[in-house]
C-alpha atoms as a PDB file:
ATOM      1  CA  MET A   1      26.457  81.578  45.505  1.00  0.00           C
ATOM      2  CA  SER A   2      27.598  83.318  48.669  1.00  0.00           C
ATOM      3  CA  GLN A   3      31.194  84.310  49.368  1.00  0.00           C
ATOM      4  CA  ARG A   4      31.458  81.523  51.973  1.00  0.00           C
ATOM      5  CA  ASP A   5      30.242  78.976  49.444  1.00  0.00           C
ATOM      6  CA  LYS A   6      32.894  80.171  46.994  1.00  0.00           C
ATOM      7  CA  ILE A   7      35.613  79.770  49.629  1.00  0.00           C
ATOM      8  CA  ILE A   8      34.393  76.274  50.496  1.00  0.00           C
ATOM      9  CA  LYS A   9      34.358  75.348  46.808  1.00  0.00           C
ATOM     10  CA  LYS A  10      37.960  76.544  46.437  1.00  0.00           C
ATOM     11  CA  ILE A  11      38.983  74.440  49.446  1.00  0.00           C
ATOM     12  CA  ILE A  12      37.236  71.337  48.075  1.00  0.00           C
ATOM     13  CA  GLU A  13      38.899  71.792  44.690  1.00  0.00           C
ATOM     14  CA  GLY A  14      42.318  72.259  46.308  1.00  0.00           C
ATOM     15  CA  ARG A  15      42.789  75.734  44.841  1.00  0.00           C
ATOM     16  CA  GLN A  16      44.781  78.487  46.535  1.00  0.00           C
ATOM     17  CA  VAL A  17      43.011  80.146  49.438  1.00  0.00           C
ATOM     18  CA  SER A  18      44.233  83.159  51.380  1.00  0.00           C
ATOM     19  CA  TYR A  19      44.549  83.351  55.139  1.00  0.00           C
ATOM     20  CA  SER A  20      41.899  86.067  55.314  1.00  0.00           C
ATOM     21  CA  GLU A  21      39.385  83.908  53.407  1.00  0.00           C
ATOM     22  CA  VAL A  22      39.884  80.969  55.771  1.00  0.00           C
ATOM     23  CA  GLU A  23      39.856  83.238  58.808  1.00  0.00           C
ATOM     24  CA  SER A  24      36.483  84.727  57.807  1.00  0.00           C
ATOM     25  CA  LEU A  25      35.088  81.224  57.172  1.00  0.00           C
ATOM     26  CA  LEU A  26      36.265  79.942  60.557  1.00  0.00           C
ATOM     27  CA  PHE A  27      34.858  82.996  62.343  1.00  0.00           C
ATOM     28  CA  TYR A  28      31.533  82.346  60.592  1.00  0.00           C
ATOM     29  CA  LEU A  29      31.675  78.782  61.975  1.00  0.00           C
ATOM     30  CA  ASP A  30      32.099  80.218  65.520  1.00  0.00           C
ATOM     31  CA  PHE A  31      35.801  79.441  65.925  1.00  0.00           C
ATOM     32  CA  LYS A  32      37.891  81.644  68.197  1.00  0.00           C
ATOM     33  CA  VAL A  33      41.503  82.544  67.483  1.00  0.00           C
ATOM     34  CA  LYS A  34      44.562  82.812  69.714  1.00  0.00           C
ATOM     35  CA  ALA A  35      47.716  84.245  68.179  1.00  0.00           C
ATOM     36  CA  ARG A  36      50.975  82.583  69.148  1.00  0.00           C
ATOM     37  CA  GLY A  37      53.655  84.468  67.304  1.00  0.00           C
ATOM     38  CA  SER A  38      52.999  84.162  63.587  1.00  0.00           C
ATOM     39  CA  HIS A  39      50.751  81.127  64.087  1.00  0.00           C
ATOM     40  CA  HIS A  40      47.078  81.600  64.720  1.00  0.00           C
ATOM     41  CA  VAL A  41      45.317  78.748  66.493  1.00  0.00           C
ATOM     42  CA  PHE A  42      41.572  78.387  65.895  1.00  0.00           C
ATOM     43  CA  SER A  43      39.444  76.385  68.328  1.00  0.00           C
ATOM     44  CA  LYS A  44      35.779  75.911  69.061  1.00  0.00           C
ATOM     45  CA  VAL A  45      33.790  74.602  71.992  1.00  0.00           C
ATOM     46  CA  GLY A  46      32.604  71.133  71.053  1.00  0.00           C
ATOM     47  CA  TYR A  47      35.384  70.553  68.504  1.00  0.00           C
ATOM     48  CA  GLU A  48      38.102  68.286  69.878  1.00  0.00           C
ATOM     49  CA  GLY A  49      41.003  69.532  67.799  1.00  0.00           C
ATOM     50  CA  HIS A  50      42.313  72.866  66.680  1.00  0.00           C
ATOM     51  CA  ILE A  51      43.528  74.424  63.452  1.00  0.00           C
ATOM     52  CA  SER A  52      46.937  76.126  63.471  1.00  0.00           C
ATOM     53  CA  ILE A  53      47.546  78.408  60.506  1.00  0.00           C
ATOM     54  CA  LYS A  54      50.536  80.619  59.901  1.00  0.00           C
ATOM     55  CA  LYS A  55      49.386  84.011  58.722  1.00  0.00           C
ATOM     56  CA  ARG A  56      50.579  84.392  55.124  1.00  0.00           C
ATOM     57  CA  SER A  57      49.084  85.390  51.796  1.00  0.00           C
ATOM     58  CA  GLN A  58      48.300  81.813  50.647  1.00  0.00           C
ATOM     59  CA  LEU A  59      47.820  78.734  52.812  1.00  0.00           C
ATOM     60  CA  LYS A  60      50.043  75.698  52.402  1.00  0.00           C
ATOM     61  CA  LYS A  61      48.558  72.460  51.065  1.00  0.00           C
ATOM     62  CA  TYR A  62      48.621  70.712  54.462  1.00  0.00           C
ATOM     63  CA  GLN A  63      46.768  73.664  56.021  1.00  0.00           C
ATOM     64  CA  LEU A  64      44.084  73.453  53.333  1.00  0.00           C
ATOM     65  CA  GLU A  65      43.721  69.736  54.085  1.00  0.00           C
ATOM     66  CA  MET A  66      43.218  70.503  57.798  1.00  0.00           C
ATOM     67  CA  VAL A  67      40.473  72.994  56.959  1.00  0.00           C
ATOM     68  CA  LYS A  68      38.881  70.556  54.491  1.00  0.00           C
ATOM     69  CA  ASP A  69      38.872  67.802  57.142  1.00  0.00           C
ATOM     70  CA  LEU A  70      37.325  70.221  59.611  1.00  0.00           C
ATOM     71  CA  LEU A  71      34.546  71.078  57.153  1.00  0.00           C
ATOM     72  CA  LEU A  72      33.877  67.371  56.544  1.00  0.00           C
ATOM     73  CA  ASN A  73      33.815  66.548  60.269  1.00  0.00           C
ATOM     74  CA  GLN A  74      31.525  69.495  61.061  1.00  0.00           C
ATOM     75  CA  GLY A  75      29.082  68.549  58.282  1.00  0.00           C
ATOM     76  CA  HIS A  76      29.629  71.620  56.123  1.00  0.00           C
ATOM     77  CA  LEU A  77      30.434  69.696  52.926  1.00  0.00           C
END
């Protein structure tokens, strides 16, 4: 199982995920980041929305849900 698969599994299971893990996953999925203060906004051409994540050691539950929804909508789950 690759590192990305392990991160995705943690997200699906609702376990704690660090900002750096999600950042590396989103970069792998071709998202670009724009930093606005402490919030980092990830967007991608062809994806209507965006993901705003505050850089911290562990993501909040609502941020994990946003990433999980993104993975579902992009067909990665």
